[in-house]
Structures are given as structure tokens and as C-alpha cells.
Amino acid sequence: MVLEDGTVLGTAKMGPNRPGRGDHIGTASFMVAPGARGRGVGRRLAAYVIDWHRGQGYRAIQFNAVVESNTAAVHLWKSLGFRIVGTVPGAYRSAAHGYVGLHMMVLDLT
């Protein structure tokens, strides 16, 4: 969680992407307050999430649904070493862009 003057600017939830035999691959979900966007909150959360997964012994982090029209998020993840391993075309109905793809992105931690 990222706080400023007692206000939550962003938070993340981490854990295994799948139970059982897939629990060595982690995932995370993020929320950043609209007023905090563009201030590095996402990058700080991302760095924490990557360090947390490494510390817990995960072998990789997988994001199942990164909206391709969210160019800020795609750029952030790529800048941190994530790569797109697949895209489901038209899987997300964007209010601003219509049907856009969802990327699956992965960061190898080994």
C-alpha cells in the first residue's frame, strides 16, 4: 500500500496465480487512485510486488489480463522486464476504445 498524509494512493494484492501444481507462479492485482496516476505510485507498487514474489520463492509473475489500450500499464510492465506472451483479441470492452485485446504478461524470476 502507498500512503500519503494518511490517504491511500494505491494498493496491490499478491499471491499464487493458480492453486496446487501451479502455485509456483505468482500474480497481483493493482488499484491506483485516479488523482495519484502519473506520480510513480504504480511503479512503487510494482517494485514491491516483484520483491515480495522473489522473497516468497515464486519462479515467475503472470498477469492474466492487461488491457492493451492501457498503454501506461503495458509500458510500465515492459520497462520492468515483463513480456507479452499472448493476447486475446477483443476480450475487453473499453468505454473509450471499444473492443480491445487482453495481454497475458510474464516476468521470469529465476
Protein backbone atom coordinates (compact mmCIF):
# COMPACT_ATOMS: atom_id res chain seq x y z
CA MET A 1 0.00 0.00 0.00
CA VAL A 2 1.22 3.51 -0.82
CA LEU A 3 0.11 6.21 1.61
CA GLU A 4 0.48 9.98 1.57
CA ASP A 5 -0.69 12.02 4.56
CA GLY A 6 -2.90 9.11 5.65
CA THR A 7 -4.56 8.79 2.22
CA VAL A 8 -4.27 5.52 0.29
CA LEU A 9 -2.85 6.29 -3.16
CA GLY A 10 -2.59 2.69 -4.31
CA THR A 11 -2.60 -0.91 -3.20
CA ALA A 12 -1.80 -4.36 -4.53
CA LYS A 13 -2.88 -7.91 -3.72
CA MET A 14 -0.39 -10.72 -4.36
CA GLY A 15 -0.40 -14.49 -4.29
CA PRO A 16 -0.31 -17.61 -6.45
CA ASN A 17 -1.83 -17.40 -9.91
CA ARG A 18 -3.21 -20.95 -9.63
CA PRO A 19 -3.59 -23.38 -6.74
CA GLY A 20 -1.88 -26.74 -6.49
CA ARG A 21 0.75 -27.57 -9.10
CA GLY A 22 0.66 -24.02 -10.50
CA ASP A 23 1.28 -22.25 -7.21
CA HIS A 24 4.93 -21.50 -8.01
CA ILE A 25 3.78 -18.73 -10.41
CA GLY A 26 2.51 -15.57 -8.74
CA THR A 27 0.11 -12.85 -9.77
CA ALA A 28 -1.07 -9.50 -8.49
CA SER A 29 -3.91 -7.03 -8.83
CA PHE A 30 -3.43 -3.29 -8.54
CA MET A 31 -5.51 -0.23 -7.79
CA VAL A 32 -4.20 3.34 -8.03
CA ALA A 33 -6.39 6.28 -7.05
CA PRO A 34 -7.30 8.41 -10.09
CA GLY A 35 -5.72 11.51 -8.54
CA ALA A 36 -2.45 9.65 -7.93
CA ARG A 37 -1.91 8.50 -11.51
CA GLY A 38 1.30 9.67 -13.15
CA ARG A 39 3.05 10.09 -9.80
CA GLY A 40 5.02 6.83 -9.69
CA VAL A 41 2.59 5.01 -7.39
CA GLY A 42 2.19 2.10 -9.82
CA ARG A 43 5.95 1.74 -10.22
CA ARG A 44 6.48 1.72 -6.43
CA LEU A 45 3.77 -0.92 -6.03
CA ALA A 46 5.23 -2.96 -8.89
CA ALA A 47 8.71 -2.91 -7.36
CA TYR A 48 7.28 -4.07 -4.05
CA VAL A 49 5.27 -6.83 -5.73
CA ILE A 50 8.30 -8.12 -7.64
CA ASP A 51 10.46 -8.11 -4.50
CA TRP A 52 7.70 -9.82 -2.50
CA HIS A 53 7.32 -12.61 -5.07
CA ARG A 54 11.10 -13.13 -5.19
CA GLY A 55 11.26 -13.25 -1.39
CA GLN A 56 8.47 -15.83 -1.29
CA GLY A 57 10.29 -18.08 -3.78
CA TYR A 58 7.99 -17.70 -6.78
CA ARG A 59 9.54 -18.60 -10.14
CA ALA A 60 7.61 -16.02 -12.20
CA ILE A 61 4.82 -13.48 -12.09
CA GLN A 62 1.94 -13.80 -14.56
CA PHE A 63 -0.65 -11.14 -15.30
CA ASN A 64 -3.64 -12.72 -17.00
CA ALA A 65 -5.43 -9.63 -18.28
CA VAL A 66 -3.53 -6.42 -19.05
CA VAL A 67 -5.78 -4.25 -21.24
CA GLU A 68 -3.82 -3.47 -24.41
CA SER A 69 -5.21 0.08 -24.64
CA ASN A 70 -3.87 0.82 -21.14
CA THR A 71 -0.59 1.92 -22.65
CA ALA A 72 0.75 3.29 -19.35
CA ALA A 73 0.40 -0.13 -17.69
CA VAL A 74 1.80 -2.02 -20.68
CA HIS A 75 4.78 0.37 -20.79
CA LEU A 76 5.36 0.03 -17.03
CA TRP A 77 5.33 -3.77 -17.10
CA LYS A 78 7.61 -3.92 -20.14
CA SER A 79 10.04 -1.47 -18.51
CA LEU A 80 10.25 -3.84 -15.52
CA GLY A 81 11.06 -6.85 -17.72
CA PHE A 82 7.60 -8.34 -18.28
CA ARG A 83 6.91 -9.65 -21.76
CA ILE A 84 3.66 -10.24 -23.60
CA VAL A 85 3.23 -13.97 -24.20
CA GLY A 86 -0.21 -13.78 -25.77
CA THR A 87 -3.18 -11.54 -26.48
CA VAL A 88 -6.86 -12.42 -26.61
CA PRO A 89 -8.25 -10.11 -29.31
CA GLY A 90 -11.35 -8.13 -28.39
CA ALA A 91 -11.62 -9.69 -24.94
CA TYR A 92 -12.15 -6.35 -23.15
CA ARG A 93 -14.93 -3.86 -23.85
CA SER A 94 -13.35 -0.45 -23.28
CA ALA A 95 -15.66 2.54 -22.84
CA ALA A 96 -13.17 4.71 -24.74
CA HIS A 97 -11.80 2.29 -27.36
CA GLY A 98 -14.44 -0.37 -27.96
CA TYR A 99 -13.32 -4.00 -28.07
CA VAL A 100 -9.60 -4.29 -27.34
CA GLY A 101 -7.28 -7.17 -26.53
CA LEU A 102 -6.16 -8.51 -23.18
CA HIS A 103 -2.45 -9.29 -22.89
CA MET A 104 -1.03 -12.07 -20.76
CA MET A 105 2.30 -10.80 -19.44
CA VAL A 106 5.03 -12.72 -17.63
CA LEU A 107 8.19 -11.86 -15.68
CA ASP A 108 10.67 -14.69 -15.10
CA LEU A 109 12.12 -14.55 -11.58
CA THR A 110 14.60 -17.42 -11.87
